[in-house]
Amino acid sequence: MKTLLQDTFRPGLSLFVLLTLIAGVAYPLAVTGVVSALLPDEAAGSLIVRDGQPVGSRLIGQSFTDAKYFWGRPSATAPQPYNAAASGGSNQGPLNPALVDAVQARIAALKAADPDNALPIPADLVSASGSGLDPHISPAAAAYQLARVARVRGLDAQAVAALVEQNSEGRQWGFLGEARVNVLALNLALDALK
């Protein structure tokens, strides 16, 4: 019996320790080192820094509710919006009453913030992304909010449109995804206007 335990336990334990060191220590350190060398900004979290302080990440949305800001996609993370530790969609189907109620509440909030806006409300302003953390909105969502932001800030709509254009990104590598606008970068650019 002792030989059987030694013959099976020792190799199993040795293999477990070896694979733990390879897959749990060496591989993550190697990948982190390579990414840090090739893509240092991305490895550090793609942080946006203002006055020496990080104000957010280009990759994780933030909650903006003041009418003077562009609003991002709703976040499905609860109880705190854009909580990366709780990333995930709502998994509610189109017939789910909770989703219908949430979308109707979001439409009501958009209309209350800008009652004279007759443009159709883009879907990304009333529905969360798959991760619940999306930092971007579509150009149509930015266009929908443009008049409200310009009016509340007392800015010329063309100046705000120029900022939207400056903070817009095309398709990744020219063919992946859709055109998008980074909400945090856009709102920081608005705040930087004097």
N, C-alpha and C. Protein backbone atom coordinates (compact mmCIF):
# COMPACT_ATOMS: atom_id res chain seq x y z
N MET A 1 0.82 -1.20 0.00
CA MET A 1 0.00 0.00 0.00
C MET A 1 0.86 1.26 0.00
N LYS A 2 1.93 1.25 0.81
CA LYS A 2 2.81 2.41 0.89
C LYS A 2 3.46 2.67 -0.46
N THR A 3 3.82 1.66 -1.16
CA THR A 3 4.46 1.81 -2.46
C THR A 3 3.44 2.36 -3.48
N LEU A 4 2.22 1.90 -3.40
CA LEU A 4 1.19 2.38 -4.32
C LEU A 4 0.95 3.88 -4.12
N LEU A 5 0.86 4.32 -2.85
CA LEU A 5 0.68 5.74 -2.57
C LEU A 5 1.88 6.55 -3.05
N GLN A 6 3.06 6.05 -2.81
CA GLN A 6 4.26 6.76 -3.24
C GLN A 6 4.33 6.80 -4.77
N ASP A 7 3.94 5.71 -5.39
CA ASP A 7 4.02 5.64 -6.85
C ASP A 7 3.00 6.55 -7.54
N THR A 8 1.88 6.81 -6.91
CA THR A 8 0.87 7.65 -7.55
C THR A 8 0.85 9.07 -6.97
N PHE A 9 1.02 9.19 -5.67
CA PHE A 9 0.93 10.49 -5.03
C PHE A 9 2.11 11.40 -5.38
N ARG A 10 3.31 10.90 -5.30
CA ARG A 10 4.50 11.71 -5.55
C ARG A 10 4.54 12.24 -6.99
N PRO A 11 4.33 11.40 -8.01
CA PRO A 11 4.32 11.97 -9.37
C PRO A 11 3.18 12.97 -9.59
N GLY A 12 2.01 12.69 -9.01
CA GLY A 12 0.89 13.61 -9.16
C GLY A 12 1.17 14.95 -8.50
N LEU A 13 1.72 14.91 -7.31
CA LEU A 13 2.05 16.13 -6.60
C LEU A 13 3.16 16.88 -7.33
N SER A 14 4.15 16.17 -7.82
CA SER A 14 5.25 16.81 -8.56
C SER A 14 4.72 17.48 -9.83
N LEU A 15 3.84 16.81 -10.54
CA LEU A 15 3.26 17.38 -11.75
C LEU A 15 2.40 18.60 -11.43
N PHE A 16 1.64 18.52 -10.35
CA PHE A 16 0.82 19.65 -9.92
C PHE A 16 1.69 20.89 -9.62
N VAL A 17 2.76 20.70 -8.86
CA VAL A 17 3.66 21.80 -8.52
C VAL A 17 4.32 22.36 -9.78
N LEU A 18 4.79 21.48 -10.65
CA LEU A 18 5.46 21.91 -11.87
C LEU A 18 4.51 22.72 -12.77
N LEU A 19 3.30 22.22 -12.98
CA LEU A 19 2.34 22.93 -13.83
C LEU A 19 1.87 24.24 -13.19
N THR A 20 1.77 24.26 -11.87
CA THR A 20 1.42 25.49 -11.18
C THR A 20 2.50 26.55 -11.40
N LEU A 21 3.75 26.16 -11.31
CA LEU A 21 4.85 27.11 -11.54
C LEU A 21 4.89 27.59 -12.99
N ILE A 22 4.64 26.67 -13.92
CA ILE A 22 4.68 27.06 -15.34
C ILE A 22 3.48 27.91 -15.71
N ALA A 23 2.26 27.38 -15.45
CA ALA A 23 1.04 28.06 -15.90
C ALA A 23 0.59 29.18 -14.96
N GLY A 24 0.95 29.08 -13.69
CA GLY A 24 0.49 30.07 -12.73
C GLY A 24 1.48 31.16 -12.40
N VAL A 25 2.76 30.93 -12.72
CA VAL A 25 3.78 31.93 -12.37
C VAL A 25 4.57 32.36 -13.61
N ALA A 26 5.25 31.42 -14.23
CA ALA A 26 6.15 31.77 -15.34
C ALA A 26 5.40 32.35 -16.54
N TYR A 27 4.33 31.70 -16.97
CA TYR A 27 3.59 32.18 -18.13
C TYR A 27 2.99 33.57 -17.91
N PRO A 28 2.26 33.82 -16.80
CA PRO A 28 1.73 35.18 -16.59
C PRO A 28 2.82 36.24 -16.50
N LEU A 29 3.95 35.92 -15.86
CA LEU A 29 5.04 36.90 -15.80
C LEU A 29 5.62 37.18 -17.18
N ALA A 30 5.75 36.14 -18.00
CA ALA A 30 6.29 36.33 -19.35
C ALA A 30 5.34 37.16 -20.21
N VAL A 31 4.06 36.86 -20.14
CA VAL A 31 3.08 37.61 -20.92
C VAL A 31 3.03 39.07 -20.45
N THR A 32 3.02 39.28 -19.15
CA THR A 32 3.02 40.64 -18.61
C THR A 32 4.26 41.41 -19.05
N GLY A 33 5.42 40.75 -19.02
CA GLY A 33 6.66 41.40 -19.44
C GLY A 33 6.64 41.78 -20.91
N VAL A 34 6.16 40.87 -21.76
CA VAL A 34 6.11 41.15 -23.20
C VAL A 34 5.13 42.28 -23.49
N VAL A 35 3.95 42.23 -22.90
CA VAL A 35 2.95 43.27 -23.13
C VAL A 35 3.44 44.62 -22.58
N SER A 36 4.07 44.62 -21.43
CA SER A 36 4.58 45.86 -20.85
C SER A 36 5.65 46.48 -21.75
N ALA A 37 6.45 45.63 -22.41
CA ALA A 37 7.49 46.15 -23.29
C ALA A 37 6.91 46.65 -24.63
N LEU A 38 5.93 45.91 -25.18
CA LEU A 38 5.38 46.26 -26.49
C LEU A 38 4.26 47.29 -26.43
N LEU A 39 3.42 47.21 -25.41
CA LEU A 39 2.25 48.09 -25.29
C LEU A 39 2.17 48.64 -23.86
N PRO A 40 3.09 49.52 -23.47
CA PRO A 40 3.12 49.96 -22.07
C PRO A 40 1.86 50.70 -21.62
N ASP A 41 1.25 51.51 -22.50
CA ASP A 41 0.05 52.24 -22.12
C ASP A 41 -1.11 51.28 -21.83
N GLU A 42 -1.29 50.30 -22.71
CA GLU A 42 -2.36 49.34 -22.54
C GLU A 42 -2.13 48.46 -21.30
N ALA A 43 -0.88 48.07 -21.07
CA ALA A 43 -0.56 47.23 -19.90
C ALA A 43 -0.81 47.97 -18.60
N ALA A 44 -0.71 49.29 -18.63
CA ALA A 44 -0.94 50.11 -17.43
C ALA A 44 -2.41 50.49 -17.26
N GLY A 45 -3.29 50.00 -18.11
CA GLY A 45 -4.72 50.25 -17.97
C GLY A 45 -5.28 51.32 -18.88
N SER A 46 -4.50 51.82 -19.84
CA SER A 46 -4.95 52.86 -20.76
C SER A 46 -5.53 54.06 -20.01
N LEU A 47 -4.82 54.49 -18.97
CA LEU A 47 -5.30 55.57 -18.12
C LEU A 47 -5.21 56.92 -18.82
N ILE A 48 -6.19 57.75 -18.53
CA ILE A 48 -6.17 59.14 -18.97
C ILE A 48 -5.74 59.96 -17.75
N VAL A 49 -4.67 60.73 -17.91
CA VAL A 49 -4.10 61.49 -16.80
C VAL A 49 -4.26 62.98 -17.08
N ARG A 50 -4.78 63.71 -16.10
CA ARG A 50 -4.90 65.17 -16.18
C ARG A 50 -4.26 65.75 -14.92
N ASP A 51 -3.40 66.73 -15.11
CA ASP A 51 -2.71 67.38 -14.00
C ASP A 51 -2.02 66.38 -13.08
N GLY A 52 -1.44 65.35 -13.68
CA GLY A 52 -0.70 64.35 -12.93
C GLY A 52 -1.55 63.32 -12.20
N GLN A 53 -2.86 63.40 -12.34
CA GLN A 53 -3.77 62.47 -11.65
C GLN A 53 -4.56 61.66 -12.66
N PRO A 54 -4.68 60.35 -12.45
CA PRO A 54 -5.53 59.56 -13.35
C PRO A 54 -7.00 59.92 -13.13
N VAL A 55 -7.71 60.15 -14.22
CA VAL A 55 -9.13 60.50 -14.14
C VAL A 55 -10.03 59.41 -14.70
N GLY A 56 -9.44 58.38 -15.26
CA GLY A 56 -10.22 57.28 -15.81
C GLY A 56 -9.41 56.51 -16.82
N SER A 57 -10.06 55.56 -17.43
CA SER A 57 -9.42 54.72 -18.44
C SER A 57 -10.15 54.91 -19.77
N ARG A 58 -9.39 54.81 -20.86
CA ARG A 58 -10.02 54.87 -22.19
C ARG A 58 -10.85 53.63 -22.46
N LEU A 59 -10.70 52.60 -21.63
CA LEU A 59 -11.34 51.32 -21.90
C LEU A 59 -12.54 51.00 -21.01
N ILE A 60 -12.78 51.81 -19.98
CA ILE A 60 -13.91 51.57 -19.08
C ILE A 60 -14.72 52.84 -18.97
N GLY A 61 -16.01 52.73 -19.20
CA GLY A 61 -16.89 53.89 -19.15
C GLY A 61 -17.02 54.47 -17.76
N GLN A 62 -17.55 55.67 -17.70
CA GLN A 62 -17.85 56.33 -16.44
C GLN A 62 -19.26 56.87 -16.51
N SER A 63 -19.86 57.03 -15.35
CA SER A 63 -21.24 57.50 -15.29
C SER A 63 -21.27 59.03 -15.32
N PHE A 64 -21.91 59.59 -16.34
CA PHE A 64 -22.14 61.03 -16.45
C PHE A 64 -23.64 61.24 -16.48
N THR A 65 -24.15 62.05 -15.56
CA THR A 65 -25.59 62.30 -15.52
C THR A 65 -25.93 63.78 -15.62
N ASP A 66 -24.93 64.65 -15.48
CA ASP A 66 -25.15 66.09 -15.60
C ASP A 66 -25.44 66.42 -17.06
N ALA A 67 -26.40 67.31 -17.30
CA ALA A 67 -26.81 67.66 -18.66
C ALA A 67 -25.70 68.34 -19.46
N LYS A 68 -24.68 68.87 -18.78
CA LYS A 68 -23.60 69.54 -19.51
C LYS A 68 -22.59 68.55 -20.10
N TYR A 69 -22.78 67.26 -19.81
CA TYR A 69 -21.88 66.23 -20.32
C TYR A 69 -22.60 65.32 -21.31
N PHE A 70 -21.81 64.71 -22.18
CA PHE A 70 -22.34 63.63 -23.01
C PHE A 70 -22.50 62.42 -22.11
N TRP A 71 -23.58 61.70 -22.28
CA TRP A 71 -23.84 60.51 -21.48
C TRP A 71 -23.42 59.29 -22.28
N GLY A 72 -22.86 58.31 -21.58
CA GLY A 72 -22.44 57.08 -22.21
C GLY A 72 -23.56 56.06 -22.25
N ARG A 73 -23.17 54.86 -22.68
CA ARG A 73 -24.14 53.76 -22.66
C ARG A 73 -24.49 53.42 -21.23
N PRO A 74 -25.71 52.99 -21.00
CA PRO A 74 -26.05 52.54 -19.65
C PRO A 74 -25.17 51.35 -19.26
N SER A 75 -24.88 51.26 -17.98
CA SER A 75 -24.07 50.16 -17.48
C SER A 75 -24.98 49.11 -16.85
N ALA A 76 -24.69 47.84 -17.14
CA ALA A 76 -25.49 46.75 -16.57
C ALA A 76 -24.92 46.29 -15.24
N THR A 77 -23.81 46.88 -14.79
CA THR A 77 -23.23 46.44 -13.52
C THR A 77 -23.99 47.09 -12.38
N ALA A 78 -24.22 46.33 -11.35
CA ALA A 78 -24.96 46.85 -10.20
C ALA A 78 -24.23 46.45 -8.93
N PRO A 79 -24.34 47.17 -7.88
CA PRO A 79 -25.13 48.40 -7.72
C PRO A 79 -24.41 49.64 -8.24
N GLN A 80 -23.11 49.55 -8.48
CA GLN A 80 -22.33 50.69 -8.95
C GLN A 80 -22.15 50.61 -10.45
N PRO A 81 -22.48 51.68 -11.20
CA PRO A 81 -22.29 51.64 -12.65
C PRO A 81 -20.81 51.55 -13.03
N TYR A 82 -20.54 50.87 -14.10
CA TYR A 82 -19.18 50.71 -14.66
C TYR A 82 -18.21 50.10 -13.67
N ASN A 83 -18.69 49.17 -12.87
CA ASN A 83 -17.86 48.45 -11.91
C ASN A 83 -17.20 47.28 -12.64
N ALA A 84 -15.91 47.38 -12.92
CA ALA A 84 -15.21 46.35 -13.69
C ALA A 84 -15.22 44.99 -12.98
N ALA A 85 -15.33 44.97 -11.67
CA ALA A 85 -15.37 43.71 -10.94
C ALA A 85 -16.69 42.97 -11.17
N ALA A 86 -17.72 43.69 -11.64
CA ALA A 86 -19.02 43.07 -11.87
C ALA A 86 -19.39 43.09 -13.35
N SER A 87 -18.39 43.07 -14.21
CA SER A 87 -18.62 43.17 -15.65
C SER A 87 -19.54 42.06 -16.14
N GLY A 88 -20.43 42.44 -17.01
CA GLY A 88 -21.34 41.48 -17.61
C GLY A 88 -22.62 42.16 -18.04
N GLY A 89 -23.28 41.60 -19.01
CA GLY A 89 -24.54 42.15 -19.48
C GLY A 89 -25.66 41.83 -18.53
N SER A 90 -26.83 42.38 -18.80
CA SER A 90 -27.99 42.12 -17.94
C SER A 90 -28.58 40.75 -18.22
N ASN A 91 -28.31 40.22 -19.41
CA ASN A 91 -28.87 38.94 -19.85
C ASN A 91 -30.39 38.94 -19.85
N GLN A 92 -30.98 40.11 -20.00
CA GLN A 92 -32.43 40.21 -20.09
C GLN A 92 -32.82 40.23 -21.56
N GLY A 93 -33.79 39.41 -21.90
CA GLY A 93 -34.25 39.34 -23.28
C GLY A 93 -35.19 40.48 -23.61
N PRO A 94 -35.50 40.66 -24.90
CA PRO A 94 -36.33 41.79 -25.32
C PRO A 94 -37.76 41.75 -24.78
N LEU A 95 -38.21 40.61 -24.35
CA LEU A 95 -39.57 40.51 -23.81
C LEU A 95 -39.60 40.58 -22.29
N ASN A 96 -38.44 40.73 -21.66
CA ASN A 96 -38.37 40.80 -20.21
C ASN A 96 -38.93 42.14 -19.75
N PRO A 97 -39.94 42.14 -18.87
CA PRO A 97 -40.53 43.40 -18.41
C PRO A 97 -39.51 44.32 -17.73
N ALA A 98 -38.53 43.77 -17.05
CA ALA A 98 -37.51 44.60 -16.39
C ALA A 98 -36.69 45.38 -17.42
N LEU A 99 -36.36 44.74 -18.53
CA LEU A 99 -35.61 45.43 -19.59
C LEU A 99 -36.48 46.49 -20.24
N VAL A 100 -37.72 46.16 -20.51
CA VAL A 100 -38.64 47.13 -21.11
C VAL A 100 -38.78 48.36 -20.20
N ASP A 101 -38.95 48.13 -18.90
CA ASP A 101 -39.08 49.23 -17.94
C ASP A 101 -37.81 50.07 -17.90
N ALA A 102 -36.63 49.41 -17.91
CA ALA A 102 -35.36 50.13 -17.86
C ALA A 102 -35.17 51.00 -19.10
N VAL A 103 -35.49 50.45 -20.27
CA VAL A 103 -35.36 51.21 -21.51
C VAL A 103 -36.33 52.39 -21.51
N GLN A 104 -37.55 52.18 -21.07
CA GLN A 104 -38.52 53.27 -21.02
C GLN A 104 -38.07 54.37 -20.05
N ALA A 105 -37.47 53.99 -18.93
CA ALA A 105 -36.96 54.98 -17.97
C ALA A 105 -35.80 55.77 -18.58
N ARG A 106 -34.95 55.09 -19.34
CA ARG A 106 -33.82 55.78 -19.98
C ARG A 106 -34.30 56.74 -21.07
N ILE A 107 -35.32 56.32 -21.82
CA ILE A 107 -35.90 57.21 -22.84
C ILE A 107 -36.51 58.43 -22.17
N ALA A 108 -37.22 58.22 -21.07
CA ALA A 108 -37.84 59.34 -20.34
C ALA A 108 -36.78 60.30 -19.82
N ALA A 109 -35.64 59.78 -19.33
CA ALA A 109 -34.57 60.64 -18.82
C ALA A 109 -33.95 61.46 -19.96
N LEU A 110 -33.77 60.84 -21.11
CA LEU A 110 -33.21 61.57 -22.26
C LEU A 110 -34.17 62.67 -22.72
N LYS A 111 -35.45 62.35 -22.77
CA LYS A 111 -36.44 63.35 -23.20
C LYS A 111 -36.59 64.46 -22.17
N ALA A 112 -36.48 64.14 -20.89
CA ALA A 112 -36.57 65.16 -19.85
C ALA A 112 -35.38 66.12 -19.91
N ALA A 113 -34.21 65.60 -20.25
CA ALA A 113 -33.00 66.42 -20.32
C ALA A 113 -33.01 67.33 -21.55
N ASP A 114 -33.73 66.91 -22.60
CA ASP A 114 -33.75 67.69 -23.85
C ASP A 114 -35.13 67.52 -24.51
N PRO A 115 -36.17 68.15 -23.96
CA PRO A 115 -37.53 67.91 -24.44
C PRO A 115 -37.80 68.35 -25.88
N ASP A 116 -37.01 69.27 -26.41
CA ASP A 116 -37.24 69.75 -27.78
C ASP A 116 -36.54 68.90 -28.83
N ASN A 117 -35.76 67.91 -28.40
CA ASN A 117 -35.01 67.08 -29.35
C ASN A 117 -35.96 66.13 -30.08
N ALA A 118 -36.03 66.27 -31.40
CA ALA A 118 -36.93 65.43 -32.21
C ALA A 118 -36.18 64.31 -32.92
N LEU A 119 -34.86 64.22 -32.71
CA LEU A 119 -34.10 63.15 -33.36
C LEU A 119 -34.47 61.80 -32.76
N PRO A 120 -34.37 60.74 -33.55
CA PRO A 120 -34.62 59.41 -32.98
C PRO A 120 -33.52 59.07 -31.97
N ILE A 121 -33.91 58.43 -30.87
CA ILE A 121 -32.95 58.08 -29.82
C ILE A 121 -32.19 56.84 -30.26
N PRO A 122 -30.85 56.92 -30.36
CA PRO A 122 -30.07 55.75 -30.75
C PRO A 122 -30.14 54.65 -29.70
N ALA A 123 -30.11 53.43 -30.15
CA ALA A 123 -30.25 52.28 -29.26
C ALA A 123 -29.17 52.22 -28.20
N ASP A 124 -27.94 52.69 -28.54
CA ASP A 124 -26.87 52.57 -27.55
C ASP A 124 -27.02 53.54 -26.38
N LEU A 125 -27.94 54.48 -26.45
CA LEU A 125 -28.20 55.35 -25.30
C LEU A 125 -29.21 54.76 -24.32
N VAL A 126 -29.88 53.69 -24.73
CA VAL A 126 -30.89 53.10 -23.84
C VAL A 126 -30.63 51.62 -23.54
N SER A 127 -29.58 51.04 -24.13
CA SER A 127 -29.28 49.63 -23.89
C SER A 127 -27.81 49.46 -23.50
N ALA A 128 -27.56 48.60 -22.54
CA ALA A 128 -26.20 48.36 -22.06
C ALA A 128 -25.45 47.47 -23.05
N SER A 129 -24.14 47.58 -23.01
CA SER A 129 -23.31 46.72 -23.85
C SER A 129 -23.17 45.35 -23.20
N GLY A 130 -22.54 44.42 -23.90
CA GLY A 130 -22.36 43.07 -23.38
C GLY A 130 -21.54 43.04 -22.10
N SER A 131 -20.57 43.92 -21.97
CA SER A 131 -19.74 43.94 -20.76
C SER A 131 -20.33 44.85 -19.69
N GLY A 132 -21.15 45.79 -20.09
CA GLY A 132 -21.67 46.77 -19.15
C GLY A 132 -20.66 47.86 -18.83
N LEU A 133 -19.53 47.88 -19.54
CA LEU A 133 -18.45 48.82 -19.24
C LEU A 133 -18.06 49.69 -20.43
N ASP A 134 -18.80 49.64 -21.50
CA ASP A 134 -18.41 50.28 -22.75
C ASP A 134 -18.15 51.77 -22.58
N PRO A 135 -16.94 52.25 -22.95
CA PRO A 135 -16.62 53.67 -22.80
C PRO A 135 -17.03 54.51 -24.01
N HIS A 136 -17.60 53.89 -25.02
CA HIS A 136 -17.89 54.58 -26.27
C HIS A 136 -19.40 54.67 -26.52
N ILE A 137 -19.74 55.67 -27.33
CA ILE A 137 -21.08 55.77 -27.89
C ILE A 137 -20.93 55.90 -29.39
N SER A 138 -22.00 55.68 -30.10
CA SER A 138 -21.97 55.82 -31.55
C SER A 138 -21.96 57.30 -31.93
N PRO A 139 -21.52 57.63 -33.14
CA PRO A 139 -21.63 59.02 -33.59
C PRO A 139 -23.07 59.52 -33.55
N ALA A 140 -24.03 58.64 -33.81
CA ALA A 140 -25.44 59.04 -33.76
C ALA A 140 -25.85 59.41 -32.33
N ALA A 141 -25.33 58.68 -31.34
CA ALA A 141 -25.64 58.99 -29.93
C ALA A 141 -25.02 60.32 -29.53
N ALA A 142 -23.84 60.62 -30.05
CA ALA A 142 -23.21 61.92 -29.78
C ALA A 142 -24.01 63.03 -30.46
N ALA A 143 -24.44 62.79 -31.70
CA ALA A 143 -25.22 63.79 -32.43
C ALA A 143 -26.55 64.07 -31.73
N TYR A 144 -27.16 63.03 -31.15
CA TYR A 144 -28.42 63.21 -30.43
C TYR A 144 -28.24 64.15 -29.25
N GLN A 145 -27.11 64.08 -28.58
CA GLN A 145 -26.87 64.86 -27.36
C GLN A 145 -26.21 66.22 -27.61
N LEU A 146 -25.74 66.44 -28.82
CA LEU A 146 -24.93 67.62 -29.13
C LEU A 146 -25.63 68.93 -28.80
N ALA A 147 -26.87 69.10 -29.21
CA ALA A 147 -27.59 70.36 -28.98
C ALA A 147 -27.77 70.63 -27.49
N ARG A 148 -28.11 69.59 -26.72
CA ARG A 148 -28.29 69.76 -25.27
C ARG A 148 -27.00 70.22 -24.61
N VAL A 149 -25.89 69.56 -24.92
CA VAL A 149 -24.61 69.90 -24.29
C VAL A 149 -24.20 71.32 -24.67
N ALA A 150 -24.35 71.67 -25.94
CA ALA A 150 -23.98 73.02 -26.39
C ALA A 150 -24.85 74.07 -25.69
N ARG A 151 -26.15 73.80 -25.60
CA ARG A 151 -27.06 74.76 -24.98
C ARG A 151 -26.75 74.94 -23.49
N VAL A 152 -26.58 73.85 -22.76
CA VAL A 152 -26.34 73.93 -21.32
C VAL A 152 -25.01 74.61 -21.02
N ARG A 153 -24.01 74.38 -21.86
CA ARG A 153 -22.69 74.99 -21.65
C ARG A 153 -22.58 76.39 -22.27
N GLY A 154 -23.57 76.79 -23.03
CA GLY A 154 -23.51 78.09 -23.68
C GLY A 154 -22.46 78.14 -24.78
N LEU A 155 -22.27 77.01 -25.46
CA LEU A 155 -21.27 76.91 -26.53
C LEU A 155 -21.94 76.86 -27.89
N ASP A 156 -21.19 77.23 -28.91
CA ASP A 156 -21.65 77.11 -30.27
C ASP A 156 -21.72 75.62 -30.63
N ALA A 157 -22.80 75.19 -31.24
CA ALA A 157 -22.96 73.77 -31.59
C ALA A 157 -21.86 73.29 -32.52
N GLN A 158 -21.36 74.15 -33.39
CA GLN A 158 -20.28 73.75 -34.30
C GLN A 158 -18.99 73.46 -33.53
N ALA A 159 -18.72 74.22 -32.46
CA ALA A 159 -17.53 73.97 -31.64
C ALA A 159 -17.65 72.63 -30.94
N VAL A 160 -18.83 72.32 -30.45
CA VAL A 160 -19.04 71.03 -29.79
C VAL A 160 -18.95 69.90 -30.82
N ALA A 161 -19.49 70.12 -32.01
CA ALA A 161 -19.40 69.11 -33.07
C ALA A 161 -17.95 68.85 -33.45
N ALA A 162 -17.13 69.89 -33.45
CA ALA A 162 -15.71 69.72 -33.75
C ALA A 162 -15.03 68.87 -32.68
N LEU A 163 -15.40 69.06 -31.41
CA LEU A 163 -14.84 68.23 -30.34
C LEU A 163 -15.29 66.77 -30.48
N VAL A 164 -16.53 66.57 -30.88
CA VAL A 164 -17.02 65.21 -31.11
C VAL A 164 -16.17 64.55 -32.20
N GLU A 165 -15.93 65.28 -33.26
CA GLU A 165 -15.13 64.75 -34.37
C GLU A 165 -13.70 64.43 -33.92
N GLN A 166 -13.11 65.29 -33.11
CA GLN A 166 -11.75 65.07 -32.62
C GLN A 166 -11.65 63.85 -31.73
N ASN A 167 -12.72 63.51 -31.04
CA ASN A 167 -12.70 62.38 -30.12
C ASN A 167 -13.40 61.15 -30.69
N SER A 168 -13.59 61.15 -32.00
CA SER A 168 -14.17 60.00 -32.68
C SER A 168 -13.06 59.07 -33.17
N GLU A 169 -13.37 57.82 -33.19
CA GLU A 169 -12.45 56.80 -33.68
C GLU A 169 -13.16 56.02 -34.78
N GLY A 170 -12.41 55.68 -35.81
CA GLY A 170 -12.98 54.87 -36.89
C GLY A 170 -12.98 53.40 -36.52
N ARG A 171 -13.29 52.59 -37.49
CA ARG A 171 -13.25 51.15 -37.27
C ARG A 171 -11.84 50.71 -36.94
N GLN A 172 -11.72 49.76 -36.03
CA GLN A 172 -10.39 49.26 -35.67
C GLN A 172 -9.77 48.57 -36.87
N TRP A 173 -8.55 48.96 -37.20
CA TRP A 173 -7.79 48.47 -38.35
C TRP A 173 -8.55 48.68 -39.67
N GLY A 174 -9.52 49.60 -39.65
CA GLY A 174 -10.23 49.94 -40.86
C GLY A 174 -11.39 49.04 -41.22
N PHE A 175 -11.58 47.93 -40.51
CA PHE A 175 -12.67 47.03 -40.89
C PHE A 175 -13.39 46.36 -39.72
N LEU A 176 -12.86 46.46 -38.51
CA LEU A 176 -13.51 45.82 -37.35
C LEU A 176 -14.37 46.81 -36.58
N GLY A 177 -15.56 46.40 -36.21
CA GLY A 177 -16.42 47.23 -35.39
C GLY A 177 -17.03 48.38 -36.15
N GLU A 178 -17.45 49.36 -35.38
CA GLU A 178 -18.10 50.55 -35.94
C GLU A 178 -17.38 51.80 -35.47
N ALA A 179 -17.66 52.91 -36.10
CA ALA A 179 -17.13 54.19 -35.65
C ALA A 179 -17.69 54.46 -34.26
N ARG A 180 -16.90 55.14 -33.43
CA ARG A 180 -17.31 55.35 -32.05
C ARG A 180 -16.68 56.63 -31.50
N VAL A 181 -17.26 57.10 -30.39
CA VAL A 181 -16.78 58.31 -29.72
C VAL A 181 -16.50 57.94 -28.27
N ASN A 182 -15.29 58.26 -27.78
CA ASN A 182 -14.95 57.99 -26.38
C ASN A 182 -15.56 59.08 -25.51
N VAL A 183 -16.48 58.70 -24.64
CA VAL A 183 -17.25 59.66 -23.85
C VAL A 183 -16.37 60.39 -22.84
N LEU A 184 -15.50 59.69 -22.15
CA LEU A 184 -14.64 60.34 -21.15
C LEU A 184 -13.72 61.36 -21.82
N ALA A 185 -13.07 60.96 -22.90
CA ALA A 185 -12.16 61.88 -23.60
C ALA A 185 -12.92 63.11 -24.10
N LEU A 186 -14.13 62.90 -24.62
CA LEU A 186 -14.94 64.02 -25.12
C LEU A 186 -15.33 64.96 -23.99
N ASN A 187 -15.77 64.41 -22.87
CA ASN A 187 -16.18 65.25 -21.74
C ASN A 187 -14.99 65.99 -21.13
N LEU A 188 -13.83 65.37 -21.11
CA LEU A 188 -12.63 66.07 -20.64
C LEU A 188 -12.26 67.21 -21.58
N ALA A 189 -12.42 66.99 -22.89
CA ALA A 189 -12.15 68.06 -23.85
C ALA A 189 -13.13 69.22 -23.67
N LEU A 190 -14.38 68.90 -23.35
CA LEU A 190 -15.36 69.96 -23.08
C LEU A 190 -14.97 70.76 -21.85
N ASP A 191 -14.56 70.05 -20.80
CA ASP A 191 -14.15 70.74 -19.57
C ASP A 191 -12.92 71.61 -19.78
N ALA A 192 -12.08 71.23 -20.75
CA ALA A 192 -10.86 72.00 -21.00
C ALA A 192 -11.13 73.29 -21.75
N LEU A 193 -12.32 73.42 -22.36
CA LEU A 193 -12.66 74.67 -23.05
C LEU A 193 -12.84 75.79 -22.03
N LYS A 194 -12.33 76.93 -22.34
CA LYS A 194 -12.48 78.07 -21.44
C LYS A 194 -13.57 78.99 -21.95
